[in-house]
Each structure stands twice: as structure tokens, then as C-alpha cells.
C-alpha atoms as a PDB file:
ATOM      1  CA  MET A   1       8.800  18.048 -23.808  1.00  0.00           C
ATOM      2  CA  ASP A   2      10.906  17.111 -20.785  1.00  0.00           C
ATOM      3  CA  LYS A   3       9.032  14.949 -18.328  1.00  0.00           C
ATOM      4  CA  VAL A   4       9.641  12.523 -15.474  1.00  0.00           C
ATOM      5  CA  ARG A   5       7.903   9.159 -15.224  1.00  0.00           C
ATOM      6  CA  VAL A   6       7.048   8.153 -11.663  1.00  0.00           C
ATOM      7  CA  ALA A   7       5.833   4.750 -10.438  1.00  0.00           C
ATOM      8  CA  ILE A   8       3.398   4.786  -7.503  1.00  0.00           C
ATOM      9  CA  ILE A   9       3.620   1.736  -5.236  1.00  0.00           C
ATOM     10  CA  SER A  10       1.068   1.203  -2.461  1.00  0.00           C
ATOM     11  CA  ASP A  11      -0.244  -1.558  -0.188  1.00  0.00           C
ATOM     12  CA  VAL A  12       2.378  -4.198  -0.920  1.00  0.00           C
ATOM     13  CA  HIS A  13       1.489  -6.154   2.253  1.00  0.00           C
ATOM     14  CA  GLY A  14       4.542  -8.390   2.200  1.00  0.00           C
ATOM     15  CA  ASN A  15       3.701  -9.937  -1.183  1.00  0.00           C
ATOM     16  CA  VAL A  16       7.160 -10.481  -2.669  1.00  0.00           C
ATOM     17  CA  GLU A  17       6.177 -11.970  -6.034  1.00  0.00           C
ATOM     18  CA  ALA A  18       3.627  -9.247  -6.727  1.00  0.00           C
ATOM     19  CA  LEU A  19       6.142  -6.514  -5.921  1.00  0.00           C
ATOM     20  CA  LYS A  20       8.824  -8.104  -8.086  1.00  0.00           C
ATOM     21  CA  ALA A  21       6.412  -8.245 -11.022  1.00  0.00           C
ATOM     22  CA  VAL A  22       5.372  -4.621 -10.558  1.00  0.00           C
ATOM     23  CA  LEU A  23       8.957  -3.377 -10.275  1.00  0.00           C
ATOM     24  CA  LYS A  24       9.946  -5.326 -13.384  1.00  0.00           C
ATOM     25  CA  ASP A  25       7.051  -3.801 -15.307  1.00  0.00           C
ATOM     26  CA  ALA A  26       7.857  -0.313 -14.003  1.00  0.00           C
ATOM     27  CA  ALA A  27      11.455  -0.708 -15.176  1.00  0.00           C
ATOM     28  CA  ASN A  28      10.231  -1.848 -18.602  1.00  0.00           C
ATOM     29  CA  GLU A  29       8.021   1.259 -18.650  1.00  0.00           C
ATOM     30  CA  HIS A  30      11.120   3.383 -17.960  1.00  0.00           C
ATOM     31  CA  ALA A  31      10.043   4.670 -14.563  1.00  0.00           C
ATOM     32  CA  GLU A  32      12.660   7.113 -13.305  1.00  0.00           C
ATOM     33  CA  LYS A  33      11.336   7.821  -9.816  1.00  0.00           C
ATOM     34  CA  TYR A  34       9.289   5.888  -7.276  1.00  0.00           C
ATOM     35  CA  ILE A  35       6.751   6.916  -4.657  1.00  0.00           C
ATOM     36  CA  THR A  36       5.642   4.495  -1.945  1.00  0.00           C
ATOM     37  CA  VAL A  37       2.349   5.057  -0.142  1.00  0.00           C
ATOM     38  CA  GLY A  38       2.426   2.835   2.950  1.00  0.00           C
ATOM     39  CA  ASP A  39       1.357  -0.660   4.005  1.00  0.00           C
ATOM     40  CA  ILE A  40       4.518  -2.393   2.944  1.00  0.00           C
ATOM     41  CA  ALA A  41       3.855  -4.519   6.008  1.00  0.00           C
ATOM     42  CA  LEU A  42       1.727  -7.453   7.137  1.00  0.00           C
ATOM     43  CA  LYS A  43      -0.412 -10.241   5.760  1.00  0.00           C
ATOM     44  CA  GLY A  44       2.201 -11.653   3.360  1.00  0.00           C
ATOM     45  CA  PRO A  45       5.423 -13.530   4.198  1.00  0.00           C
ATOM     46  CA  GLY A  46       8.040 -11.058   2.951  1.00  0.00           C
ATOM     47  CA  THR A  47       7.755  -7.601   4.486  1.00  0.00           C
ATOM     48  CA  ASP A  48      11.521  -7.600   5.056  1.00  0.00           C
ATOM     49  CA  ILE A  49      12.269  -8.503   1.440  1.00  0.00           C
ATOM     50  CA  CYS A  50       9.746  -5.989   0.090  1.00  0.00           C
ATOM     51  CA  LEU A  51      11.302  -3.217   2.162  1.00  0.00           C
ATOM     52  CA  GLU A  52      14.754  -4.146   0.894  1.00  0.00           C
ATOM     53  CA  LEU A  53      13.584  -4.134  -2.739  1.00  0.00           C
ATOM     54  CA  LEU A  54      12.005  -0.710  -2.326  1.00  0.00           C
ATOM     55  CA  GLU A  55      14.929   0.809  -0.439  1.00  0.00           C
ATOM     56  CA  LYS A  56      17.235  -0.109  -3.336  1.00  0.00           C
ATOM     57  CA  LEU A  57      15.155   2.204  -5.552  1.00  0.00           C
ATOM     58  CA  ASN A  58      15.678   5.180  -3.220  1.00  0.00           C
ATOM     59  CA  PRO A  59      12.011   6.246  -3.467  1.00  0.00           C
ATOM     60  CA  LEU A  60      10.916   9.827  -2.979  1.00  0.00           C
ATOM     61  CA  SER A  61       8.648   8.844  -0.092  1.00  0.00           C
ATOM     62  CA  PHE A  62       8.071   6.291   2.613  1.00  0.00           C
ATOM     63  CA  VAL A  63       4.941   6.977   4.684  1.00  0.00           C
ATOM     64  CA  LEU A  64       3.122   5.319   7.557  1.00  0.00           C
ATOM     65  CA  GLY A  65       0.337   2.938   6.546  1.00  0.00           C
ATOM     66  CA  ASN A  66      -2.273   1.603   8.934  1.00  0.00           C
ATOM     67  CA  HIS A  67      -0.296  -1.650   9.131  1.00  0.00           C
ATOM     68  CA  GLU A  68       2.906   0.161  10.049  1.00  0.00           C
ATOM     69  CA  GLN A  69       0.716   1.969  12.596  1.00  0.00           C
ATOM     70  CA  VAL A  70      -0.003  -1.477  14.053  1.00  0.00           C
ATOM     71  CA  TYR A  71       3.758  -1.933  14.497  1.00  0.00           C
ATOM     72  CA  ARG A  72       3.727   1.312  16.473  1.00  0.00           C
ATOM     73  CA  ASP A  73       0.797   0.082  18.566  1.00  0.00           C
ATOM     74  CA  PHE A  74       2.750  -3.082  19.341  1.00  0.00           C
ATOM     75  CA  LEU A  75       5.823  -1.142  20.466  1.00  0.00           C
ATOM     76  CA  GLU A  76       3.643   1.090  22.640  1.00  0.00           C
ATOM     77  CA  GLY A  77       2.101  -1.942  24.340  1.00  0.00           C
ATOM     78  CA  LYS A  78      -1.454  -1.331  23.164  1.00  0.00           C
ATOM     79  CA  SER A  79      -4.006  -4.126  23.507  1.00  0.00           C
ATOM     80  CA  PHE A  80      -4.597  -6.603  20.692  1.00  0.00           C
ATOM     81  CA  ASN A  81      -7.261  -8.605  22.528  1.00  0.00           C
ATOM     82  CA  TYR A  82     -10.451  -6.771  21.629  1.00  0.00           C
ATOM     83  CA  SER A  83     -11.286  -8.619  18.406  1.00  0.00           C
ATOM     84  CA  ILE A  84     -10.522 -11.828  16.542  1.00  0.00           C
ATOM     85  CA  LYS A  85      -8.861  -9.938  13.710  1.00  0.00           C
ATOM     86  CA  ARG A  86      -6.768  -7.855  16.093  1.00  0.00           C
ATOM     87  CA  ARG A  87      -5.463 -11.019  17.779  1.00  0.00           C
ATOM     88  CA  MET A  88      -4.559 -12.407  14.372  1.00  0.00           C
ATOM     89  CA  ILE A  89      -2.745  -9.167  13.554  1.00  0.00           C
ATOM     90  CA  GLU A  90      -0.683  -9.417  16.738  1.00  0.00           C
ATOM     91  CA  GLU A  91       0.560 -12.841  15.655  1.00  0.00           C
ATOM     92  CA  LEU A  92       1.455 -11.481  12.218  1.00  0.00           C
ATOM     93  CA  VAL A  93       3.242  -8.500  13.776  1.00  0.00           C
ATOM     94  CA  LYS A  94       5.428 -10.833  15.816  1.00  0.00           C
ATOM     95  CA  TYR A  95       6.079 -12.847  12.662  1.00  0.00           C
ATOM     96  CA  ASP A  96       7.239  -9.741  10.779  1.00  0.00           C
ATOM     97  CA  TYR A  97       9.389  -8.641  13.704  1.00  0.00           C
ATOM     98  CA  ALA A  98      11.311 -11.917  13.585  1.00  0.00           C
ATOM     99  CA  PHE A  99      12.295 -11.320   9.942  1.00  0.00           C
ATOM    100  CA  LEU A 100      12.747  -7.552  10.028  1.00  0.00           C
ATOM    101  CA  GLY A 101      14.726  -7.303  13.236  1.00  0.00           C
ATOM    102  CA  ASP A 102      14.336  -4.517  15.754  1.00  0.00           C
ATOM    103  CA  GLU A 103      15.931  -1.689  13.739  1.00  0.00           C
ATOM    104  CA  LYS A 104      13.875  -2.113  10.556  1.00  0.00           C
ATOM    105  CA  PHE A 105      10.715  -2.840  12.533  1.00  0.00           C
ATOM    106  CA  ARG A 106      11.126   0.421  14.474  1.00  0.00           C
ATOM    107  CA  TYR A 107      11.961   2.290  11.289  1.00  0.00           C
ATOM    108  CA  LEU A 108       8.643   1.281   9.705  1.00  0.00           C
ATOM    109  CA  ALA A 109       6.751   2.001  12.934  1.00  0.00           C
ATOM    110  CA  THR A 110       8.033   5.576  13.058  1.00  0.00           C
ATOM    111  CA  LEU A 111       7.470   6.662   9.447  1.00  0.00           C
ATOM    112  CA  PRO A 112       5.708  10.026   8.955  1.00  0.00           C
ATOM    113  CA  LYS A 113       2.015  10.143   8.099  1.00  0.00           C
ATOM    114  CA  LYS A 114       2.626  12.575   5.250  1.00  0.00           C
ATOM    115  CA  VAL A 115       5.562  13.432   3.010  1.00  0.00           C
ATOM    116  CA  SER A 116       5.618  16.437   0.665  1.00  0.00           C
ATOM    117  CA  ILE A 117       7.789  16.290  -2.439  1.00  0.00           C
ATOM    118  CA  GLN A 118       8.281  18.335  -5.597  1.00  0.00           C
ATOM    119  CA  ILE A 119       8.943  17.155  -9.147  1.00  0.00           C
ATOM    120  CA  LEU A 120       9.566  19.724 -11.900  1.00  0.00           C
ATOM    121  CA  GLY A 121       7.603  22.327  -9.978  1.00  0.00           C
ATOM    122  CA  THR A 122       4.642  20.051  -9.179  1.00  0.00           C
ATOM    123  CA  LYS A 123       4.070  19.798  -5.444  1.00  0.00           C
ATOM    124  CA  ILE A 124       2.833  16.391  -4.284  1.00  0.00           C
ATOM    125  CA  ASP A 125       1.563  15.277  -0.882  1.00  0.00           C
ATOM    126  CA  VAL A 126       1.854  11.546  -0.185  1.00  0.00           C
ATOM    127  CA  PHE A 127      -0.143   9.896   2.613  1.00  0.00           C
ATOM    128  CA  HIS A 128      -1.719   6.499   3.112  1.00  0.00           C
ATOM    129  CA  ALA A 129      -5.361   7.402   3.762  1.00  0.00           C
ATOM    130  CA  MET A 130      -5.807  11.040   4.820  1.00  0.00           C
ATOM    131  CA  PRO A 131      -3.101  13.623   5.622  1.00  0.00           C
ATOM    132  CA  LYS A 132      -3.547  13.184   9.375  1.00  0.00           C
ATOM    133  CA  SER A 133      -4.790   9.591   9.461  1.00  0.00           C
ATOM    134  CA  ALA A 134      -3.257   6.379   8.167  1.00  0.00           C
ATOM    135  CA  SER A 135      -6.490   4.432   8.577  1.00  0.00           C
ATOM    136  CA  PHE A 136      -9.481   6.551   7.523  1.00  0.00           C
ATOM    137  CA  PRO A 137     -10.833   4.907   4.326  1.00  0.00           C
ATOM    138  CA  ILE A 138     -11.625   7.193   1.391  1.00  0.00           C
ATOM    139  CA  TYR A 139     -13.226   5.390  -1.540  1.00  0.00           C
ATOM    140  CA  ALA A 140     -13.678   7.025  -4.937  1.00  0.00           C
ATOM    141  CA  THR A 141     -17.429   7.241  -4.301  1.00  0.00           C
ATOM    142  CA  GLU A 142     -17.103   9.315  -1.115  1.00  0.00           C
ATOM    143  CA  GLU A 143     -18.540  12.803  -0.876  1.00  0.00           C
ATOM    144  CA  GLN A 144     -16.585  15.588  -2.536  1.00  0.00           C
ATOM    145  CA  ALA A 145     -15.818  17.250   0.795  1.00  0.00           C
ATOM    146  CA  TYR A 146     -13.408  14.454   1.779  1.00  0.00           C
ATOM    147  CA  PHE A 147     -11.272  15.053  -1.295  1.00  0.00           C
ATOM    148  CA  ASP A 148     -11.288  18.814  -0.845  1.00  0.00           C
ATOM    149  CA  GLU A 149     -10.249  18.306   2.787  1.00  0.00           C
ATOM    150  CA  MET A 150      -7.028  16.639   1.664  1.00  0.00           C
ATOM    151  CA  PHE A 151      -5.792  20.058   0.532  1.00  0.00           C
ATOM    152  CA  SER A 152      -7.099  22.112   3.447  1.00  0.00           C
ATOM    153  CA  ASP A 153      -3.657  22.627   4.987  1.00  0.00           C
ATOM    154  CA  THR A 154      -1.282  22.493   2.033  1.00  0.00           C
ATOM    155  CA  ASP A 155      -0.287  24.228  -1.187  1.00  0.00           C
ATOM    156  CA  ALA A 156       0.226  20.901  -2.979  1.00  0.00           C
ATOM    157  CA  ASP A 157      -0.977  20.431  -6.545  1.00  0.00           C
ATOM    158  CA  VAL A 158      -1.501  16.660  -6.312  1.00  0.00           C
ATOM    159  CA  ALA A 159      -2.333  14.196  -3.535  1.00  0.00           C
ATOM    160  CA  ILE A 160      -1.442  10.504  -3.648  1.00  0.00           C
ATOM    161  CA  ASN A 161      -3.051   8.045  -1.245  1.00  0.00           C
ATOM    162  CA  GLY A 162      -3.886   4.343  -0.946  1.00  0.00           C
ATOM    163  CA  HIS A 163      -5.399   2.183   1.808  1.00  0.00           C
ATOM    164  CA  VAL A 164      -8.646   1.047   0.128  1.00  0.00           C
ATOM    165  CA  HIS A 165      -6.956  -1.280  -2.400  1.00  0.00           C
ATOM    166  CA  ARG A 166      -8.755   0.183  -5.402  1.00  0.00           C
ATOM    167  CA  GLN A 167      -7.397   2.266  -8.229  1.00  0.00           C
ATOM    168  CA  SER A 168      -9.102   5.619  -8.596  1.00  0.00           C
ATOM    169  CA  LEU A 169      -8.757   9.182  -9.794  1.00  0.00           C
ATOM    170  CA  ARG A 170     -10.621  12.105  -8.236  1.00  0.00           C
ATOM    171  CA  ARG A 171     -10.387  15.889  -8.348  1.00  0.00           C
ATOM    172  CA  THR A 172     -11.106  18.657  -5.901  1.00  0.00           C
ATOM    173  CA  VAL A 173     -13.576  21.422  -6.675  1.00  0.00           C
ATOM    174  CA  ASP A 174     -10.637  23.532  -7.866  1.00  0.00           C
ATOM    175  CA  ASP A 175      -9.331  20.726 -10.108  1.00  0.00           C
ATOM    176  CA  LYS A 176      -6.485  19.294  -8.031  1.00  0.00           C
ATOM    177  CA  LEU A 177      -5.734  15.610  -8.574  1.00  0.00           C
ATOM    178  CA  ILE A 178      -6.054  12.768  -6.052  1.00  0.00           C
ATOM    179  CA  ILE A 179      -4.508   9.515  -7.308  1.00  0.00           C
ATOM    180  CA  ASN A 180      -4.904   6.089  -5.718  1.00  0.00           C
ATOM    181  CA  SER A 181      -2.750   3.449  -7.420  1.00  0.00           C
ATOM    182  CA  GLY A 182      -4.526   0.487  -5.811  1.00  0.00           C
ATOM    183  CA  SER A 183      -2.784  -2.394  -4.056  1.00  0.00           C
ATOM    184  CA  VAL A 184       0.283  -4.260  -5.233  1.00  0.00           C
ATOM    185  CA  GLY A 185      -0.133  -7.176  -2.854  1.00  0.00           C
ATOM    186  CA  LEU A 186      -3.811  -7.505  -1.899  1.00  0.00           C
ATOM    187  CA  PRO A 187      -6.061  -5.901  -4.526  1.00  0.00           C
ATOM    188  CA  GLY A 188      -9.813  -6.087  -4.301  1.00  0.00           C
ATOM    189  CA  GLY A 189     -10.558  -4.208  -1.105  1.00  0.00           C
ATOM    190  CA  GLU A 190     -13.057  -5.482   1.448  1.00  0.00           C
ATOM    191  CA  SER A 191     -16.073  -5.432  -0.864  1.00  0.00           C
ATOM    192  CA  ARG A 192     -17.271  -8.943  -1.642  1.00  0.00           C
ATOM    193  CA  LYS A 193     -18.327  -7.720  -5.073  1.00  0.00           C
ATOM    194  CA  THR A 194     -14.807  -6.598  -5.985  1.00  0.00           C
ATOM    195  CA  LYS A 195     -12.526  -9.411  -7.127  1.00  0.00           C
ATOM    196  CA  ASP A 196      -9.110  -8.819  -8.636  1.00  0.00           C
ATOM    197  CA  ASN A 197      -5.956 -10.890  -8.206  1.00  0.00           C
ATOM    198  CA  LEU A 198      -3.666  -8.790 -10.417  1.00  0.00           C
ATOM    199  CA  ALA A 199      -1.015  -6.596  -8.829  1.00  0.00           C
ATOM    200  CA  GLN A 200      -1.959  -2.932  -9.168  1.00  0.00           C
ATOM    201  CA  TYR A 201       0.177   0.179  -9.451  1.00  0.00           C
ATOM    202  CA  ALA A 202       0.241   3.434 -11.383  1.00  0.00           C
ATOM    203  CA  LEU A 203       2.583   5.493 -13.538  1.00  0.00           C
ATOM    204  CA  ILE A 204       2.367   9.248 -13.826  1.00  0.00           C
ATOM    205  CA  ASP A 205       4.224  11.508 -16.233  1.00  0.00           C
ATOM    206  CA  ILE A 206       5.094  14.937 -14.852  1.00  0.00           C
ATOM    207  CA  ALA A 207       6.220  17.847 -17.011  1.00  0.00           C
ATOM    208  CA  ALA A 208       6.831  21.512 -16.255  1.00  0.00           C
ATOM    209  CA  THR A 209       3.089  22.070 -16.681  1.00  0.00           C
ATOM    210  CA  GLY A 210       2.173  19.401 -14.104  1.00  0.00           C
ATOM    211  CA  VAL A 211       0.827  15.850 -14.444  1.00  0.00           C
ATOM    212  CA  VAL A 212       0.379  15.213 -18.166  1.00  0.00           C
ATOM    213  CA  ASP A 213      -0.513  11.515 -18.150  1.00  0.00           C
ATOM    214  CA  ILE A 214      -1.684   8.826 -15.715  1.00  0.00           C
ATOM    215  CA  HIS A 215      -1.470   5.093 -16.376  1.00  0.00           C
ATOM    216  CA  PHE A 216      -3.271   2.666 -14.060  1.00  0.00           C
ATOM    217  CA  LYS A 217      -1.731  -0.770 -14.493  1.00  0.00           C
ATOM    218  CA  LYS A 218      -2.629  -4.328 -13.461  1.00  0.00           C
ATOM    219  CA  ILE A 219       0.080  -6.974 -13.657  1.00  0.00           C
ATOM    220  CA  ALA A 220      -0.126 -10.759 -13.461  1.00  0.00           C
ATOM    221  CA  TYR A 221       2.366 -12.420 -11.132  1.00  0.00           C
ATOM    222  CA  ASP A 222       3.290 -15.920  -9.971  1.00  0.00           C
ATOM    223  CA  ILE A 223       0.726 -16.615  -7.238  1.00  0.00           C
ATOM    224  CA  ASP A 224       1.849 -20.233  -6.931  1.00  0.00           C
ATOM    225  CA  ALA A 225       5.391 -19.095  -6.148  1.00  0.00           C
ATOM    226  CA  GLU A 226       4.130 -16.592  -3.593  1.00  0.00           C
ATOM    227  CA  ILE A 227       2.034 -19.229  -1.822  1.00  0.00           C
ATOM    228  CA  ALA A 228       4.960 -21.671  -1.845  1.00  0.00           C
ATOM    229  CA  PHE A 229       7.189 -19.014  -0.282  1.00  0.00           C
ATOM    230  CA  ALA A 230       4.549 -18.236   2.354  1.00  0.00           C
ATOM    231  CA  LYS A 231       4.355 -21.921   3.295  1.00  0.00           C
ATOM    232  CA  LYS A 232       8.145 -22.285   3.320  1.00  0.00           C
ATOM    233  CA  ARG A 233       8.363 -19.348   5.710  1.00  0.00           C
ATOM    234  CA  ALA A 234       5.531 -20.737   7.876  1.00  0.00           C
ATOM    235  CA  LEU A 235       3.299 -17.684   7.480  1.00  0.00           C
ATOM    236  CA  PRO A 236       0.514 -17.655  10.107  1.00  0.00           C
ATOM    237  CA  TYR A 237      -2.968 -17.943   8.587  1.00  0.00           C
ATOM    238  CA  VAL A 238      -1.446 -19.006   5.297  1.00  0.00           C
ATOM    239  CA  ASP A 239      -4.755 -20.565   4.213  1.00  0.00           C
ATOM    240  CA  ILE A 240      -6.477 -17.178   4.312  1.00  0.00           C
ATOM    241  CA  TYR A 241      -3.570 -15.617   2.454  1.00  0.00           C
ATOM    242  CA  GLU A 242      -3.746 -18.251  -0.274  1.00  0.00           C
ATOM    243  CA  LYS A 243      -7.515 -17.993  -0.611  1.00  0.00           C
ATOM    244  CA  THR A 244      -7.303 -14.202  -0.775  1.00  0.00           C
ATOM    245  CA  LEU A 245      -4.640 -14.189  -3.491  1.00  0.00           C
ATOM    246  CA  ARG A 246      -6.270 -16.852  -5.626  1.00  0.00           C
ATOM    247  CA  SER A 247      -9.792 -15.422  -5.402  1.00  0.00           C
ATOM    248  CA  GLY A 248      -8.764 -11.778  -5.691  1.00  0.00           C
ATOM    249  CA  GLN A 249     -11.114 -11.058  -2.804  1.00  0.00           C
ATOM    250  CA  TYR A 250     -10.019  -9.565   0.524  1.00  0.00           C
ATOM    251  CA  LEU A 251     -10.866 -12.217   3.116  1.00  0.00           C
ATOM    252  CA  TYR A 252      -9.250 -10.933   6.309  1.00  0.00           C
ATOM    253  CA  ILE A 253     -12.585 -10.635   8.055  1.00  0.00           C
ATOM    254  CA  ASP A 254     -13.804 -12.223  11.299  1.00  0.00           C
ATOM    255  CA  SER A 255     -16.023 -14.830   9.633  1.00  0.00           C
ATOM    256  CA  GLN A 256     -13.069 -16.151   7.641  1.00  0.00           C
ATOM    257  CA  ILE A 257     -10.560 -15.959  10.481  1.00  0.00           C
ATOM    258  CA  GLU A 258     -12.907 -17.930  12.767  1.00  0.00           C
ATOM    259  CA  GLN A 259     -12.827 -20.858  10.327  1.00  0.00           C
ATOM    260  CA  TYR A 260      -9.083 -21.184  10.769  1.00  0.00           C
ATOM    261  CA  LEU A 261      -9.182 -20.828  14.542  1.00  0.00           C
ATOM    262  CA  ASP A 262     -11.513 -23.803  15.074  1.00  0.00           C
END
């Protein structure tokens, strides 16, 4: 049976070592195509390097994540002063801009919210959170209506999203697939009960009949090397980044940020 193996890469967040480990594993798994699902940007020290690594693969999709949306907010002059976290984000945006340069920064800021592709007859919609929103969180435990809504304005067979940093598989009432590959660079999500410091991605096999197999993968990577690189590049809030990576718990919350602002 002829089939195509596709690697799904989401929520890299500038984590170079995690992305390198995932791409090496995907190559060893004989991935032929790549789909990216947004949030290449922010938090980690290497958004520019991560973008370069992904561009070399000529992926089938680049879409706007909520962190690329923040780039857009910055270019449009929107306020970053209304919360502690938002002020932190502004500093990280300026940090990324310095490494990306104006052209690449603007490229990421102007990505589409949704990209539709087709592989061997299977139609796939790729978006970061929801088709019309890069920031609306949809966890696997949400009500069925949210998943059905993803197909309300499309003839796609499969939807691929990210954003919540957790691997999941759901179906619509008429049996269409929604796949979330988790986060390459910052797994764990915002739940304090969810801890995971392995890089996450997914592989799907597509044949003429549709998706015939789905592999959710978690890959160990060199966290020490990533932290050393972050410190070498003078990443703002590097202590939170290190604590997040080592604990496998998402710690970019006001109570944590306040500790590093004192």
C-alpha cells in the first residue's frame, strides 16, 4: 500500500535542542513531509535558528500561532503594559526581533491563520488553535461542539491544531479526525498537574484511503545544552526558561514572573 509519512511539528517556542532532536527522530522514522502548526516563536533563545531549520524542510504549512500574533501586535503598536506577563512578552519580542531581523520577523507576523493542504486525496486543515483564532485554547476534554465547529466552514477530512501543549486525538460526530501533536519546545501546558519535559511531536501515515496510522512521540533532548545556549545568548527571564524545561511544567505565569522582577 502506497502511503506518505508526515511529521507534525507544533509549539517549538525557540527551543533549538528540542527541535533538533525531534527532526533527527523524524528523519530516522522516514518522515517524507512536514507540517508546522505555529508558535515557532518566543520563550526560547533560538526562534531564528528554529525557523531556518524548518524552512530547510520545505514544510507543507506555516501558520500563525498566538506568539506570532504577538509579533503582529508589536508591529501594529498595540499596548503591552496591561499585565506583568504581557510586559515580559514585549521584552522577549524585542529579543527575537534582534536575531530574526525585520524581514523574517514580519514574515512570521503575517502568516495565515489557516492553511489547507491535500495529501493523496486527504484534505487537511492546519491551524494553531481554531480556524479563525490563533489563541482560543481547545483541550481534549472540551465539549464536542468545539471539535465539530472546526469543520463548519470546510470540506477537510482532518484538522491539525496545537496551542495547548498536550498531545491528543479527537473526532467529530461524523468521525473526522482532529490531531494535536503537543509541543516540541515547552510541553506540559499550563496545568500544574501536567509535567513533561520530553519534546513532543506526531507522525501520521496517509494512504489513498486516508489516515491509516498515528504515532504520538516523546523525545528526550539535551536540556543542559539548551540552557547553556540560552545563557550564552542572554535570553531574558532565562531562570524561568530553565525551571520550565527542567521541571516539565509551564511556569510562564504571573506568580513566577514576579519572583524574577523583584
